[in-house]
Amino acid sequence: YSSKKNLCGICYCELSQSRGPNLYRYIRSYDYE
């Protein structure tokens, strides 16, 4: 959906200490690949 669009993504979880940062890393890694 984001491809060819100019979007800003913001990841979060309850405290943004584990699941939010993990989601960020997963998205970034997948996007690079």
ModelCIF file with pLDDT and N, C-alpha, C, O atoms, coordinates in Angstrom:
data_MODEL
#
_entry.id   MODEL 
#
_entity.id                         1 
_entity.type                       polymer 
_entity.pdbx_number_of_molecules   1 
#
_entity_poly.entity_id                      1 
_entity_poly.type                           'polypeptide(L)' 
_entity_poly.nstd_linkage                   no 
_entity_poly.nstd_monomer                   no 
_entity_poly.pdbx_seq_one_letter_code       YSSKKNLCGICYCELSQSRGPNLYRYIRSYDYE 
_entity_poly.pdbx_seq_one_letter_code_can   YSSKKNLCGICYCELSQSRGPNLYRYIRSYDYE 
_entity_poly.pdbx_strand_id                 A 
#
loop_
_entity_poly_seq.entity_id 
_entity_poly_seq.num 
_entity_poly_seq.mon_id 
_entity_poly_seq.hetero 
1 1  TYR n 
1 2  SER n 
1 3  SER n 
1 4  LYS n 
1 5  LYS n 
1 6  ASN n 
1 7  LEU n 
1 8  CYS n 
1 9  GLY n 
1 10 ILE n 
1 11 CYS n 
1 12 TYR n 
1 13 CYS n 
1 14 GLU n 
1 15 LEU n 
1 16 SER n 
1 17 GLN n 
1 18 SER n 
1 19 ARG n 
1 20 GLY n 
1 21 PRO n 
1 22 ASN n 
1 23 LEU n 
1 24 TYR n 
1 25 ARG n 
1 26 TYR n 
1 27 ILE n 
1 28 ARG n 
1 29 SER n 
1 30 TYR n 
1 31 ASP n 
1 32 TYR n 
1 33 GLU n 
#
_struct_asym.id          A 
_struct_asym.entity_id   1 
#
loop_
_ma_qa_metric.id 
_ma_qa_metric.mode 
_ma_qa_metric.name 
_ma_qa_metric.software_group_id 
_ma_qa_metric.type 
1 global pLDDT . pLDDT 
2 local  pLDDT . pLDDT 
#
_ma_qa_metric_global.metric_id      1 
_ma_qa_metric_global.metric_value   91.61 
_ma_qa_metric_global.model_id       1 
_ma_qa_metric_global.ordinal_id     1 
#
loop_
_ma_qa_metric_local.label_asym_id 
_ma_qa_metric_local.label_comp_id 
_ma_qa_metric_local.label_seq_id 
_ma_qa_metric_local.metric_id 
_ma_qa_metric_local.metric_value 
_ma_qa_metric_local.model_id 
_ma_qa_metric_local.ordinal_id 
A TYR 1  2 78.00 1 1  
A SER 2  2 79.00 1 2  
A SER 3  2 74.00 1 3  
A LYS 4  2 74.00 1 4  
A LYS 5  2 82.00 1 5  
A ASN 6  2 86.00 1 6  
A LEU 7  2 89.00 1 7  
A CYS 8  2 91.00 1 8  
A GLY 9  2 94.00 1 9  
A ILE 10 2 96.00 1 10 
A CYS 11 2 97.00 1 11 
A TYR 12 2 98.00 1 12 
A CYS 13 2 97.00 1 13 
A GLU 14 2 97.00 1 14 
A LEU 15 2 97.00 1 15 
A SER 16 2 95.00 1 16 
A GLN 17 2 95.00 1 17 
A SER 18 2 96.00 1 18 
A ARG 19 2 96.00 1 19 
A GLY 20 2 96.00 1 20 
A PRO 21 2 97.00 1 21 
A ASN 22 2 95.00 1 22 
A LEU 23 2 95.00 1 23 
A TYR 24 2 96.00 1 24 
A ARG 25 2 95.00 1 25 
A TYR 26 2 93.00 1 26 
A ILE 27 2 93.00 1 27 
A ARG 28 2 94.00 1 28 
A SER 29 2 93.00 1 29 
A TYR 30 2 91.00 1 30 
A ASP 31 2 91.00 1 31 
A TYR 32 2 92.00 1 32 
A GLU 33 2 91.00 1 33 
#
loop_
_atom_site.group_PDB 
_atom_site.id 
_atom_site.type_symbol 
_atom_site.label_atom_id 
_atom_site.label_alt_id 
_atom_site.label_comp_id 
_atom_site.label_asym_id 
_atom_site.label_entity_id 
_atom_site.label_seq_id 
_atom_site.pdbx_PDB_ins_code 
_atom_site.Cartn_x 
_atom_site.Cartn_y 
_atom_site.Cartn_z 
_atom_site.occupancy 
_atom_site.B_iso_or_equiv 
_atom_site.pdbx_formal_charge 
_atom_site.auth_seq_id 
_atom_site.auth_comp_id 
_atom_site.auth_asym_id 
_atom_site.auth_atom_id 
_atom_site.pdbx_PDB_model_num 
ATOM 1   N N  . TYR A 1 1  ? 0.834  -1.203 0.000  1.00 78.00 ? 1  TYR A N  1 
ATOM 2   C CA . TYR A 1 1  ? 0.000  0.000  0.000  1.00 78.00 ? 1  TYR A CA 1 
ATOM 3   C C  . TYR A 1 1  ? 0.871  1.255  0.000  1.00 78.00 ? 1  TYR A C  1 
ATOM 4   O O  . TYR A 1 1  ? 0.545  2.238  -0.666 1.00 78.00 ? 1  TYR A O  1 
ATOM 5   N N  . SER A 1 2  ? 1.971  1.224  0.742  1.00 79.00 ? 2  SER A N  1 
ATOM 6   C CA . SER A 1 2  ? 2.847  2.385  0.884  1.00 79.00 ? 2  SER A CA 1 
ATOM 7   C C  . SER A 1 2  ? 3.669  2.669  -0.362 1.00 79.00 ? 2  SER A C  1 
ATOM 8   O O  . SER A 1 2  ? 4.055  3.809  -0.619 1.00 79.00 ? 2  SER A O  1 
ATOM 9   N N  . SER A 1 3  ? 3.929  1.638  -1.121 1.00 74.00 ? 3  SER A N  1 
ATOM 10  C CA . SER A 1 3  ? 4.759  1.794  -2.311 1.00 74.00 ? 3  SER A CA 1 
ATOM 11  C C  . SER A 1 3  ? 4.182  2.859  -3.230 1.00 74.00 ? 3  SER A C  1 
ATOM 12  O O  . SER A 1 3  ? 2.985  2.863  -3.515 1.00 74.00 ? 3  SER A O  1 
ATOM 13  N N  . LYS A 1 4  ? 5.023  3.741  -3.681 1.00 74.00 ? 4  LYS A N  1 
ATOM 14  C CA . LYS A 1 4  ? 4.650  4.831  -4.587 1.00 74.00 ? 4  LYS A CA 1 
ATOM 15  C C  . LYS A 1 4  ? 3.776  5.893  -3.916 1.00 74.00 ? 4  LYS A C  1 
ATOM 16  O O  . LYS A 1 4  ? 3.215  6.753  -4.596 1.00 74.00 ? 4  LYS A O  1 
ATOM 17  N N  . LYS A 1 5  ? 3.656  5.837  -2.584 1.00 82.00 ? 5  LYS A N  1 
ATOM 18  C CA . LYS A 1 5  ? 2.925  6.863  -1.845 1.00 82.00 ? 5  LYS A CA 1 
ATOM 19  C C  . LYS A 1 5  ? 3.914  7.535  -0.902 1.00 82.00 ? 5  LYS A C  1 
ATOM 20  O O  . LYS A 1 5  ? 4.971  6.984  -0.592 1.00 82.00 ? 5  LYS A O  1 
ATOM 21  N N  . ASN A 1 6  ? 3.565  8.696  -0.466 1.00 86.00 ? 6  ASN A N  1 
ATOM 22  C CA . ASN A 1 6  ? 4.424  9.459  0.422  1.00 86.00 ? 6  ASN A CA 1 
ATOM 23  C C  . ASN A 1 6  ? 3.833  9.406  1.840  1.00 86.00 ? 6  ASN A C  1 
ATOM 24  O O  . ASN A 1 6  ? 3.143  10.331 2.268  1.00 86.00 ? 6  ASN A O  1 
ATOM 25  N N  . LEU A 1 7  ? 4.115  8.305  2.565  1.00 89.00 ? 7  LEU A N  1 
ATOM 26  C CA . LEU A 1 7  ? 3.520  8.075  3.874  1.00 89.00 ? 7  LEU A CA 1 
ATOM 27  C C  . LEU A 1 7  ? 4.557  8.130  4.986  1.00 89.00 ? 7  LEU A C  1 
ATOM 28  O O  . LEU A 1 7  ? 5.755  7.958  4.762  1.00 89.00 ? 7  LEU A O  1 
ATOM 29  N N  . CYS A 1 8  ? 4.061  8.373  6.181  1.00 91.00 ? 8  CYS A N  1 
ATOM 30  C CA . CYS A 1 8  ? 4.873  8.327  7.399  1.00 91.00 ? 8  CYS A CA 1 
ATOM 31  C C  . CYS A 1 8  ? 4.265  7.258  8.293  1.00 91.00 ? 8  CYS A C  1 
ATOM 32  O O  . CYS A 1 8  ? 3.082  7.336  8.627  1.00 91.00 ? 8  CYS A O  1 
ATOM 33  N N  . GLY A 1 9  ? 5.052  6.261  8.685  1.00 94.00 ? 9  GLY A N  1 
ATOM 34  C CA . GLY A 1 9  ? 4.576  5.194  9.560  1.00 94.00 ? 9  GLY A CA 1 
ATOM 35  C C  . GLY A 1 9  ? 5.066  5.401  10.978 1.00 94.00 ? 9  GLY A C  1 
ATOM 36  O O  . GLY A 1 9  ? 6.221  5.760  11.206 1.00 94.00 ? 9  GLY A O  1 
ATOM 37  N N  . ILE A 1 10 ? 4.168  5.169  11.932 1.00 96.00 ? 10 ILE A N  1 
ATOM 38  C CA . ILE A 1 10 ? 4.524  5.293  13.345 1.00 96.00 ? 10 ILE A CA 1 
ATOM 39  C C  . ILE A 1 10 ? 4.103  4.011  14.051 1.00 96.00 ? 10 ILE A C  1 
ATOM 40  O O  . ILE A 1 10 ? 2.920  3.674  14.105 1.00 96.00 ? 10 ILE A O  1 
ATOM 41  N N  . CYS A 1 11 ? 5.091  3.304  14.592 1.00 97.00 ? 11 CYS A N  1 
ATOM 42  C CA . CYS A 1 11 ? 4.862  2.055  15.311 1.00 97.00 ? 11 CYS A CA 1 
ATOM 43  C C  . CYS A 1 11 ? 4.757  2.345  16.806 1.00 97.00 ? 11 CYS A C  1 
ATOM 44  O O  . CYS A 1 11 ? 5.457  3.207  17.338 1.00 97.00 ? 11 CYS A O  1 
ATOM 45  N N  . TYR A 1 12 ? 3.875  1.613  17.464 1.00 98.00 ? 12 TYR A N  1 
ATOM 46  C CA . TYR A 1 12 ? 3.806  1.733  18.915 1.00 98.00 ? 12 TYR A CA 1 
ATOM 47  C C  . TYR A 1 12 ? 3.220  0.466  19.530 1.00 98.00 ? 12 TYR A C  1 
ATOM 48  O O  . TYR A 1 12 ? 2.577  -0.338 18.855 1.00 98.00 ? 12 TYR A O  1 
ATOM 49  N N  . CYS A 1 13 ? 3.459  0.314  20.821 1.00 97.00 ? 13 CYS A N  1 
ATOM 50  C CA . CYS A 1 13 ? 2.835  -0.723 21.632 1.00 97.00 ? 13 CYS A CA 1 
ATOM 51  C C  . CYS A 1 13 ? 2.445  -0.034 22.944 1.00 97.00 ? 13 CYS A C  1 
ATOM 52  O O  . CYS A 1 13 ? 2.281  1.185  22.963 1.00 97.00 ? 13 CYS A O  1 
ATOM 53  N N  . GLU A 1 14 ? 2.296  -0.773 24.017 1.00 97.00 ? 14 GLU A N  1 
ATOM 54  C CA . GLU A 1 14 ? 1.854  -0.159 25.268 1.00 97.00 ? 14 GLU A CA 1 
ATOM 55  C C  . GLU A 1 14 ? 2.826  0.906  25.749 1.00 97.00 ? 14 GLU A C  1 
ATOM 56  O O  . GLU A 1 14 ? 2.411  2.019  26.072 1.00 97.00 ? 14 GLU A O  1 
ATOM 57  N N  . LEU A 1 15 ? 4.120  0.583  25.801 1.00 97.00 ? 15 LEU A N  1 
ATOM 58  C CA . LEU A 1 15 ? 5.132  1.529  26.276 1.00 97.00 ? 15 LEU A CA 1 
ATOM 59  C C  . LEU A 1 15 ? 6.177  1.858  25.215 1.00 97.00 ? 15 LEU A C  1 
ATOM 60  O O  . LEU A 1 15 ? 7.062  2.681  25.448 1.00 97.00 ? 15 LEU A O  1 
ATOM 61  N N  . SER A 1 16 ? 6.080  1.221  24.056 1.00 95.00 ? 16 SER A N  1 
ATOM 62  C CA . SER A 1 16 ? 7.058  1.345  22.963 1.00 95.00 ? 16 SER A CA 1 
ATOM 63  C C  . SER A 1 16 ? 8.458  0.950  23.418 1.00 95.00 ? 16 SER A C  1 
ATOM 64  O O  . SER A 1 16 ? 9.449  1.594  23.073 1.00 95.00 ? 16 SER A O  1 
ATOM 65  N N  . GLN A 1 17 ? 8.512  -0.121 24.198 1.00 95.00 ? 17 GLN A N  1 
ATOM 66  C CA . GLN A 1 17 ? 9.805  -0.623 24.651 1.00 95.00 ? 17 GLN A CA 1 
ATOM 67  C C  . GLN A 1 17 ? 10.176 -1.948 24.004 1.00 95.00 ? 17 GLN A C  1 
ATOM 68  O O  . GLN A 1 17 ? 11.360 -2.271 23.910 1.00 95.00 ? 17 GLN A O  1 
ATOM 69  N N  . SER A 1 18 ? 9.195  -2.723 23.557 1.00 96.00 ? 18 SER A N  1 
ATOM 70  C CA . SER A 1 18 ? 9.515  -4.030 22.988 1.00 96.00 ? 18 SER A CA 1 
ATOM 71  C C  . SER A 1 18 ? 8.764  -4.295 21.684 1.00 96.00 ? 18 SER A C  1 
ATOM 72  O O  . SER A 1 18 ? 9.377  -4.341 20.618 1.00 96.00 ? 18 SER A O  1 
ATOM 73  N N  . ARG A 1 19 ? 7.458  -4.468 21.760 1.00 96.00 ? 19 ARG A N  1 
ATOM 74  C CA . ARG A 1 19 ? 6.703  -4.853 20.564 1.00 96.00 ? 19 ARG A CA 1 
ATOM 75  C C  . ARG A 1 19 ? 6.713  -3.777 19.490 1.00 96.00 ? 19 ARG A C  1 
ATOM 76  O O  . ARG A 1 19 ? 6.836  -4.100 18.309 1.00 96.00 ? 19 ARG A O  1 
ATOM 77  N N  . GLY A 1 20 ? 6.588  -2.516 19.859 1.00 96.00 ? 20 GLY A N  1 
ATOM 78  C CA . GLY A 1 20 ? 6.642  -1.418 18.888 1.00 96.00 ? 20 GLY A CA 1 
ATOM 79  C C  . GLY A 1 20 ? 7.993  -1.350 18.186 1.00 96.00 ? 20 GLY A C  1 
ATOM 80  O O  . GLY A 1 20 ? 8.043  -1.308 16.957 1.00 96.00 ? 20 GLY A O  1 
ATOM 81  N N  . PRO A 1 21 ? 9.102  -1.339 18.951 1.00 97.00 ? 21 PRO A N  1 
ATOM 82  C CA . PRO A 1 21 ? 10.417 -1.358 18.311 1.00 97.00 ? 21 PRO A CA 1 
ATOM 83  C C  . PRO A 1 21 ? 10.659 -2.621 17.479 1.00 97.00 ? 21 PRO A C  1 
ATOM 84  O O  . PRO A 1 21 ? 11.305 -2.559 16.433 1.00 97.00 ? 21 PRO A O  1 
ATOM 85  N N  . ASN A 1 22 ? 10.141 -3.767 17.941 1.00 95.00 ? 22 ASN A N  1 
ATOM 86  C CA . ASN A 1 22 ? 10.293 -5.000 17.158 1.00 95.00 ? 22 ASN A CA 1 
ATOM 87  C C  . ASN A 1 22 ? 9.527  -4.897 15.837 1.00 95.00 ? 22 ASN A C  1 
ATOM 88  O O  . ASN A 1 22 ? 10.016 -5.335 14.796 1.00 95.00 ? 22 ASN A O  1 
ATOM 89  N N  . LEU A 1 23 ? 8.337  -4.322 15.885 1.00 95.00 ? 23 LEU A N  1 
ATOM 90  C CA . LEU A 1 23 ? 7.569  -4.124 14.658 1.00 95.00 ? 23 LEU A CA 1 
ATOM 91  C C  . LEU A 1 23 ? 8.323  -3.191 13.714 1.00 95.00 ? 23 LEU A C  1 
ATOM 92  O O  . LEU A 1 23 ? 8.400  -3.450 12.513 1.00 95.00 ? 23 LEU A O  1 
ATOM 93  N N  . TYR A 1 24 ? 8.873  -2.117 14.251 1.00 96.00 ? 24 TYR A N  1 
ATOM 94  C CA . TYR A 1 24 ? 9.678  -1.188 13.459 1.00 96.00 ? 24 TYR A CA 1 
ATOM 95  C C  . TYR A 1 24 ? 10.817 -1.930 12.762 1.00 96.00 ? 24 TYR A C  1 
ATOM 96  O O  . TYR A 1 24 ? 11.004 -1.793 11.553 1.00 96.00 ? 24 TYR A O  1 
ATOM 97  N N  . ARG A 1 25 ? 11.578 -2.718 13.530 1.00 95.00 ? 25 ARG A N  1 
ATOM 98  C CA . ARG A 1 25 ? 12.715 -3.448 12.957 1.00 95.00 ? 25 ARG A CA 1 
ATOM 99  C C  . ARG A 1 25 ? 12.270 -4.451 11.902 1.00 95.00 ? 25 ARG A C  1 
ATOM 100 O O  . ARG A 1 25 ? 12.929 -4.606 10.874 1.00 95.00 ? 25 ARG A O  1 
ATOM 101 N N  . TYR A 1 26 ? 11.168 -5.122 12.148 1.00 93.00 ? 26 TYR A N  1 
ATOM 102 C CA . TYR A 1 26 ? 10.666 -6.101 11.181 1.00 93.00 ? 26 TYR A CA 1 
ATOM 103 C C  . TYR A 1 26 ? 10.252 -5.421 9.876  1.00 93.00 ? 26 TYR A C  1 
ATOM 104 O O  . TYR A 1 26 ? 10.592 -5.885 8.788  1.00 93.00 ? 26 TYR A O  1 
ATOM 105 N N  . ILE A 1 27 ? 9.514  -4.316 9.999  1.00 93.00 ? 27 ILE A N  1 
ATOM 106 C CA . ILE A 1 27 ? 9.090  -3.580 8.796  1.00 93.00 ? 27 ILE A CA 1 
ATOM 107 C C  . ILE A 1 27 ? 10.302 -3.073 8.035  1.00 93.00 ? 27 ILE A C  1 
ATOM 108 O O  . ILE A 1 27 ? 10.381 -3.223 6.816  1.00 93.00 ? 27 ILE A O  1 
ATOM 109 N N  . ARG A 1 28 ? 11.244 -2.475 8.745  1.00 94.00 ? 28 ARG A N  1 
ATOM 110 C CA . ARG A 1 28 ? 12.419 -1.914 8.088  1.00 94.00 ? 28 ARG A CA 1 
ATOM 111 C C  . ARG A 1 28 ? 13.215 -3.018 7.388  1.00 94.00 ? 28 ARG A C  1 
ATOM 112 O O  . ARG A 1 28 ? 13.641 -2.850 6.246  1.00 94.00 ? 28 ARG A O  1 
ATOM 113 N N  . SER A 1 29 ? 13.413 -4.132 8.067  1.00 93.00 ? 29 SER A N  1 
ATOM 114 C CA . SER A 1 29 ? 14.151 -5.250 7.486  1.00 93.00 ? 29 SER A CA 1 
ATOM 115 C C  . SER A 1 29 ? 13.439 -5.798 6.248  1.00 93.00 ? 29 SER A C  1 
ATOM 116 O O  . SER A 1 29 ? 14.070 -6.039 5.219  1.00 93.00 ? 29 SER A O  1 
ATOM 117 N N  . TYR A 1 30 ? 12.146 -5.991 6.353  1.00 91.00 ? 30 TYR A N  1 
ATOM 118 C CA . TYR A 1 30 ? 11.349 -6.506 5.237  1.00 91.00 ? 30 TYR A CA 1 
ATOM 119 C C  . TYR A 1 30 ? 11.394 -5.532 4.062  1.00 91.00 ? 30 TYR A C  1 
ATOM 120 O O  . TYR A 1 30 ? 11.521 -5.944 2.909  1.00 91.00 ? 30 TYR A O  1 
ATOM 121 N N  . ASP A 1 31 ? 11.291 -4.242 4.364  1.00 91.00 ? 31 ASP A N  1 
ATOM 122 C CA . ASP A 1 31 ? 11.310 -3.206 3.326  1.00 91.00 ? 31 ASP A CA 1 
ATOM 123 C C  . ASP A 1 31 ? 12.656 -3.186 2.597  1.00 91.00 ? 31 ASP A C  1 
ATOM 124 O O  . ASP A 1 31 ? 12.703 -3.090 1.371  1.00 91.00 ? 31 ASP A O  1 
ATOM 125 N N  . TYR A 1 32 ? 13.747 -3.278 3.359  1.00 92.00 ? 32 TYR A N  1 
ATOM 126 C CA . TYR A 1 32 ? 15.073 -3.324 2.734  1.00 92.00 ? 32 TYR A CA 1 
ATOM 127 C C  . TYR A 1 32 ? 15.206 -4.553 1.836  1.00 92.00 ? 32 TYR A C  1 
ATOM 128 O O  . TYR A 1 32 ? 15.671 -4.458 0.700  1.00 92.00 ? 32 TYR A O  1 
ATOM 129 N N  . GLU A 1 33 ? 14.793 -5.702 2.359  1.00 91.00 ? 33 GLU A N  1 
ATOM 130 C CA . GLU A 1 33 ? 14.897 -6.941 1.580  1.00 91.00 ? 33 GLU A CA 1 
ATOM 131 C C  . GLU A 1 33 ? 14.061 -6.856 0.304  1.00 91.00 ? 33 GLU A C  1 
ATOM 132 O O  . GLU A 1 33 ? 14.027 -7.808 -0.476 1.00 91.00 ? 33 GLU A O  1 
#
